Amino acid sequence: MRVRTGIDAVEIHRFRVALERTPAMIDRLFTVSEVTSVSGRVESLAARFCVKEATMKLFGVGLGAVPFHDIETVRLETGQPSLRLTGAAATLALEQGCHEFALSLTHTRTLAIAQVVSLIEG
């Protein structure tokens, strides 16, 4: 087994400005569940966007290589964030032998950060 990781950071102010300038971005980037689970708080959405970018980095592909909705941050009953992959993202994970994802995300007043780690077969 090997470990693969992806990490990303977003400046919350810049993310907020982008969402204000293009409100349709929320629907394009996030599932309804993601937006609802954080009550639309920009700093939490920024962290979830970081999850999407960090996951694509983990896969070694560029931003937008898979639909954003195929990478979703969900909360377990314990409150711990978890990664749900569907569609093209799930297919890519299977092709690359990625499984058992671990997810960590955080934000301050100015910065959102996420790290995604996966075990790789082989």
Protein backbone atom coordinates (compact mmCIF):
# COMPACT_ATOMS: atom_id res chain seq x y z
CA MET A 1 0.00 0.00 0.00
CA ARG A 2 1.05 3.55 -0.72
CA VAL A 3 -0.39 6.88 0.39
CA ARG A 4 -1.34 9.70 -1.93
CA THR A 5 -2.34 13.20 -0.83
CA GLY A 6 -3.77 16.40 -2.24
CA ILE A 7 -4.02 19.78 -0.54
CA ASP A 8 -5.52 23.12 -1.46
CA ALA A 9 -6.07 26.57 0.05
CA VAL A 10 -8.42 29.41 -0.92
CA GLU A 11 -8.50 33.02 0.25
CA ILE A 12 -12.03 33.45 1.61
CA HIS A 13 -12.36 37.09 0.56
CA ARG A 14 -11.53 36.27 -3.06
CA PHE A 15 -13.92 33.32 -3.00
CA ARG A 16 -16.69 35.53 -1.56
CA VAL A 17 -16.14 38.14 -4.29
CA ALA A 18 -16.28 35.47 -7.00
CA LEU A 19 -19.57 34.12 -5.63
CA GLU A 20 -21.05 37.62 -5.39
CA ARG A 21 -19.97 38.38 -8.95
CA THR A 22 -21.30 35.05 -10.29
CA PRO A 23 -24.01 33.66 -7.99
CA ALA A 24 -24.61 30.70 -10.35
CA MET A 25 -21.19 29.37 -9.28
CA ILE A 26 -22.77 27.95 -6.12
CA ASP A 27 -25.01 25.62 -8.14
CA ARG A 28 -22.17 24.72 -10.52
CA LEU A 29 -19.66 23.92 -7.77
CA PHE A 30 -21.71 22.42 -4.94
CA THR A 31 -24.44 19.87 -4.39
CA VAL A 32 -27.62 21.01 -2.68
CA SER A 33 -26.59 18.88 0.31
CA GLU A 34 -23.24 20.68 0.63
CA VAL A 35 -24.83 24.14 0.56
CA THR A 36 -27.60 23.13 2.96
CA SER A 37 -25.25 21.43 5.43
CA VAL A 38 -23.29 24.66 5.98
CA SER A 39 -26.26 27.03 5.69
CA GLY A 40 -24.52 28.71 2.75
CA ARG A 41 -21.66 30.09 4.91
CA VAL A 42 -18.98 31.30 2.51
CA GLU A 43 -16.01 30.20 4.63
CA SER A 44 -17.40 26.66 4.82
CA LEU A 45 -18.17 26.60 1.09
CA ALA A 46 -14.61 27.76 0.42
CA ALA A 47 -13.29 24.81 2.46
CA ARG A 48 -15.52 22.44 0.49
CA PHE A 49 -14.22 23.92 -2.76
CA CYS A 50 -10.70 23.19 -1.47
CA VAL A 51 -11.77 19.57 -0.98
CA LYS A 52 -12.72 19.36 -4.65
CA GLU A 53 -9.41 20.85 -5.80
CA ALA A 54 -7.36 18.75 -3.35
CA THR A 55 -9.10 15.60 -4.59
CA MET A 56 -8.28 16.44 -8.22
CA LYS A 57 -4.68 17.07 -7.18
CA LEU A 58 -4.62 13.70 -5.43
CA PHE A 59 -5.77 12.13 -8.72
CA GLY A 60 -3.11 14.08 -10.63
CA VAL A 61 -5.65 15.79 -12.89
CA GLY A 62 -6.43 19.43 -13.52
CA LEU A 63 -9.23 21.52 -12.12
CA GLY A 64 -12.47 20.62 -13.88
CA ALA A 65 -11.24 17.22 -15.06
CA VAL A 66 -14.29 15.73 -13.34
CA PRO A 67 -17.60 17.45 -12.62
CA PHE A 68 -17.51 19.33 -9.31
CA HIS A 69 -20.69 17.58 -8.13
CA ASP A 70 -18.89 14.21 -8.42
CA ILE A 71 -16.72 15.20 -5.43
CA GLU A 72 -18.87 15.89 -2.39
CA THR A 73 -18.09 16.63 1.25
CA VAL A 74 -20.54 14.87 3.57
CA ARG A 75 -20.71 14.63 7.34
CA LEU A 76 -20.73 11.31 9.14
CA GLU A 77 -23.03 10.85 12.15
CA THR A 78 -20.04 11.71 14.32
CA GLY A 79 -19.76 15.10 12.59
CA GLN A 80 -16.52 14.11 10.91
CA PRO A 81 -16.25 15.24 7.27
CA SER A 82 -16.03 12.50 4.69
CA LEU A 83 -15.60 12.27 0.94
CA ARG A 84 -18.32 10.93 -1.37
CA LEU A 85 -17.24 10.27 -4.94
CA THR A 86 -19.72 9.59 -7.72
CA GLY A 87 -19.67 9.46 -11.51
CA ALA A 88 -16.37 10.29 -13.18
CA ALA A 89 -14.61 10.91 -9.84
CA ALA A 90 -15.57 7.43 -8.55
CA THR A 91 -14.43 5.90 -11.84
CA LEU A 92 -11.10 7.72 -11.66
CA ALA A 93 -10.58 6.59 -8.07
CA LEU A 94 -11.25 2.98 -9.07
CA GLU A 95 -8.90 3.19 -12.08
CA GLN A 96 -6.12 4.61 -9.91
CA GLY A 97 -6.64 2.10 -7.08
CA CYS A 98 -7.57 4.82 -4.58
CA HIS A 99 -9.65 3.82 -1.59
CA GLU A 100 -10.13 4.61 2.10
CA PHE A 101 -10.10 8.37 1.76
CA ALA A 102 -9.44 10.63 4.75
CA LEU A 103 -10.42 14.25 4.67
CA SER A 104 -9.42 17.25 6.79
CA LEU A 105 -10.68 20.77 6.28
CA THR A 106 -10.39 24.00 8.22
CA HIS A 107 -10.78 27.71 7.84
CA THR A 108 -9.81 30.89 9.58
CA ARG A 109 -11.32 34.31 8.97
CA THR A 110 -9.14 34.69 5.85
CA LEU A 111 -8.13 31.25 4.59
CA ALA A 112 -9.78 27.87 3.88
CA ILE A 113 -7.66 24.71 3.59
CA ALA A 114 -8.42 21.06 2.82
CA GLN A 115 -6.29 17.95 2.62
CA VAL A 116 -7.38 14.63 1.13
CA VAL A 117 -5.43 11.42 1.72
CA SER A 118 -5.99 8.02 0.12
CA LEU A 119 -4.49 4.58 0.28
CA ILE A 120 -3.36 3.28 -3.12
CA GLU A 121 -3.24 -0.38 -3.99
CA GLY A 122 -0.05 -1.68 -5.54
